Protein backbone atom coordinates (compact mmCIF):
# COMPACT_ATOMS: atom_id res chain seq x y z
CA SER A 1 -22.11 9.07 -31.50
CA SER A 2 -20.27 9.17 -34.58
CA SER A 3 -18.59 5.85 -33.70
CA LYS A 4 -15.39 7.42 -34.66
CA TRP A 5 -11.89 7.69 -32.26
CA THR A 6 -10.93 10.75 -30.96
CA ASP A 7 -7.31 11.78 -30.15
CA GLY A 8 -7.28 12.37 -26.24
CA GLY A 9 -3.77 13.76 -26.44
CA VAL A 10 -0.47 13.05 -25.00
CA PHE A 11 -0.24 12.43 -21.29
CA GLY A 12 2.03 10.56 -18.74
CA PRO A 13 5.61 11.02 -17.59
CA THR A 14 8.08 11.90 -20.50
CA ASP A 15 10.47 9.06 -19.64
CA ALA A 16 8.01 6.25 -19.70
CA ASP A 17 10.05 3.15 -20.59
CA GLY A 18 7.65 0.08 -19.81
CA VAL A 19 4.30 -1.51 -20.93
CA PRO A 20 1.47 0.47 -19.07
CA GLY A 21 -1.04 -1.08 -17.08
CA PHE A 22 -4.47 0.51 -17.71
CA LEU A 23 -7.99 0.32 -16.28
CA GLN A 24 -11.16 1.91 -15.75
CA SER A 25 -11.94 2.30 -11.99
CA ASN A 26 -14.95 2.54 -9.94
CA TYR A 27 -13.73 6.01 -8.66
CA GLY A 28 -16.15 8.96 -9.75
CA ALA A 29 -19.05 8.08 -12.33
CA PRO A 30 -18.69 6.46 -14.91
CA GLY A 31 -15.27 5.88 -13.35
CA ASN A 32 -11.75 7.31 -13.57
CA PHE A 33 -8.80 5.98 -15.81
CA GLU A 34 -5.91 4.55 -14.06
CA VAL A 35 -2.58 4.17 -15.69
CA VAL A 36 0.83 2.70 -14.06
CA VAL A 37 4.06 2.52 -16.05
CA LYS A 38 7.69 2.03 -15.47
CA THR A 39 9.70 5.04 -16.14
CA LYS A 40 13.41 5.45 -17.13
CA ASP A 41 14.65 5.96 -13.49
CA GLY A 42 13.55 2.29 -12.67
CA ARG A 43 10.25 3.42 -10.82
CA LEU A 44 6.65 3.19 -11.47
CA ASN A 45 4.39 6.19 -12.24
CA HIS A 46 0.68 6.41 -11.35
CA TRP A 47 -1.54 8.69 -13.60
CA TRP A 48 -5.22 9.01 -13.40
CA ARG A 49 -7.86 10.93 -15.11
CA MET A 50 -11.46 11.66 -13.93
CA ASP A 51 -14.03 10.59 -16.64
CA ALA A 52 -15.62 14.08 -16.73
CA ALA A 53 -14.88 17.55 -18.20
CA PRO A 54 -12.14 19.01 -18.20
CA TRP A 55 -10.76 15.57 -18.80
CA THR A 56 -7.55 16.28 -17.71
CA TRP A 57 -4.71 13.73 -16.45
CA THR A 58 -3.20 14.08 -12.98
CA ASP A 59 0.09 12.71 -12.02
CA GLY A 60 -0.61 10.32 -9.17
CA GLY A 61 3.34 10.15 -8.12
CA ARG A 62 5.91 7.70 -8.38
CA PHE A 63 6.66 4.79 -6.01
CA ALA A 64 8.84 1.49 -5.87
CA SER A 65 12.30 1.34 -7.04
CA ASN A 66 14.85 -1.22 -9.29
CA ILE A 67 11.88 -2.04 -11.38
CA ALA A 68 12.93 -3.93 -14.84
CA LEU A 69 9.73 -4.14 -16.37
CA SER A 70 5.96 -3.31 -15.99
CA GLY A 71 2.89 -4.75 -17.84
CA ALA A 72 -0.60 -5.35 -18.03
CA SER A 73 -0.91 -6.19 -14.49
CA LEU A 74 -2.87 -3.32 -12.87
CA VAL A 75 -6.27 -4.43 -11.38
CA GLN A 76 -8.73 -3.25 -9.29
CA THR A 77 -9.87 -5.67 -6.56
CA HIS A 78 -12.73 -6.19 -4.48
CA TYR A 79 -10.73 -5.56 -1.30
CA GLY A 80 -12.05 -2.44 0.83
CA LYS A 81 -14.87 -0.29 0.47
CA GLN A 82 -13.71 1.09 -2.69
CA GLY A 83 -11.58 -1.68 -4.24
CA ASN A 84 -7.90 -1.49 -3.96
CA LEU A 85 -5.45 -0.96 -6.93
CA GLU A 86 -2.98 -3.65 -7.28
CA LEU A 87 -0.45 -4.77 -9.87
CA VAL A 88 2.78 -6.83 -10.08
CA ALA A 89 6.24 -5.36 -11.62
CA VAL A 90 9.51 -7.19 -12.62
CA LEU A 91 12.76 -6.09 -10.53
CA ASN A 92 16.14 -5.53 -11.96
CA GLY A 93 17.07 -9.06 -10.44
CA GLY A 94 14.29 -11.00 -12.32
CA GLN A 95 11.91 -11.36 -9.26
CA MET A 96 8.38 -10.13 -9.24
CA GLN A 97 7.00 -7.73 -6.94
CA HIS A 98 3.46 -7.30 -5.81
CA TRP A 99 2.21 -3.58 -4.95
CA SER A 100 -1.27 -2.49 -3.57
CA ARG A 101 -2.64 0.95 -3.00
CA ASN A 102 -5.09 0.63 0.09
CA ASP A 103 -7.53 3.12 -1.07
CA ASP A 104 -9.44 2.88 2.31
CA ALA A 105 -6.31 4.39 4.11
CA GLY A 106 -4.85 7.27 2.10
CA ASN A 107 -4.12 5.76 -1.09
CA VAL A 108 -0.58 4.96 -0.53
CA TRP A 109 1.38 2.26 -2.50
CA THR A 110 2.81 -0.51 -0.73
CA ALA A 111 5.25 -3.18 -1.47
CA SER A 112 4.30 -6.77 -0.66
CA GLU A 113 6.07 -10.04 -1.48
CA THR A 114 8.57 -10.84 -4.00
CA PHE A 115 8.19 -14.17 -5.92
CA GLY A 116 9.46 -16.00 -9.05
CA SER A 117 12.75 -15.72 -10.65
CA GLY A 118 14.30 -15.35 -13.94
CA VAL A 119 11.39 -13.18 -15.31
CA ALA A 120 12.10 -12.03 -18.98
CA SER A 121 8.79 -10.48 -19.76
CA PRO A 122 6.29 -7.90 -18.49
CA PRO A 123 3.54 -9.64 -16.54
CA CYS A 124 -0.01 -9.94 -17.26
CA MET A 125 -2.50 -10.11 -14.53
CA ILE A 126 -6.50 -10.37 -13.63
CA GLU A 127 -8.57 -10.95 -10.53
CA GLY A 128 -10.43 -13.98 -11.51
CA GLN A 129 -13.57 -15.31 -9.93
CA TYR A 130 -11.91 -18.75 -8.72
CA GLY A 131 -12.15 -18.61 -4.77
CA ALA A 132 -14.91 -15.74 -4.91
CA SER A 133 -18.31 -16.66 -3.62
CA ASP A 134 -19.75 -14.37 -6.19
CA GLU A 135 -18.67 -11.87 -8.52
CA ASN A 136 -18.78 -8.85 -6.15
CA HIS A 137 -16.08 -10.77 -3.87
CA VAL A 138 -12.47 -11.15 -3.87
CA GLY A 139 -11.39 -14.23 -6.16
CA ASN A 140 -7.70 -15.21 -6.90
CA PHE A 141 -5.08 -13.29 -8.88
CA GLU A 142 -4.01 -14.99 -11.98
CA LEU A 143 -0.70 -13.93 -13.50
CA CYS A 144 1.34 -15.04 -16.64
CA VAL A 145 5.00 -14.30 -17.53
CA ALA A 146 7.78 -15.68 -19.44
CA VAL A 147 10.51 -17.76 -17.99
CA GLY A 148 13.15 -19.19 -19.90
CA GLY A 149 11.31 -19.31 -23.37
CA LYS A 150 8.09 -20.68 -21.54
CA ILE A 151 4.94 -19.00 -20.05
CA GLN A 152 4.78 -19.49 -16.38
CA HIS A 153 1.16 -19.33 -14.50
CA TRP A 154 1.32 -17.82 -10.95
CA TRP A 155 -1.82 -17.37 -8.85
CA ARG A 156 -2.56 -16.08 -5.38
CA ASN A 157 -5.21 -17.52 -3.17
CA ASN A 158 -7.06 -14.15 -1.74
CA GLN A 159 -9.14 -16.20 0.37
CA GLY A 160 -6.26 -17.89 2.19
CA ASN A 161 -2.93 -17.11 3.18
CA GLY A 162 -2.31 -14.78 0.27
CA ALA A 163 0.90 -16.71 -1.12
CA TRP A 164 1.91 -16.52 -4.61
CA GLN A 165 2.10 -20.13 -6.12
CA GLN A 166 3.37 -21.32 -9.75
């Protein structure tokens, strides 16, 4: 009500070493904050906070390995009842790897396909509306990343075979 920023305190892993992905999910009301960031051990760490008292952050655990770069690629999709969390990170070898958390089957992060090569920047991704019949259905993933001093655009047809295409 005062229109002033307040300090929410420090949270997250003490060895954070990447660009975090951040979003407000539809879990709870008005929705939890969700963060995934690369750690110094080359893994990804998921943290979340209920958007209600007592306003504490919870370590959702580490997953993945051989991660070189994380970025603003965390999205909540229209898959499943709740909507899965999805992200893309860059591996040590310069390829990207897609990860998803199936929230209808135990909230476990699962690795998907790897794609691309020579990636030198954190990825940035959204779920667009292209391919969706309306704003409540799954659209394509749209991703941008730097390779060789240029921006590459990748997309994934979430209504078709699910393969990443440049």
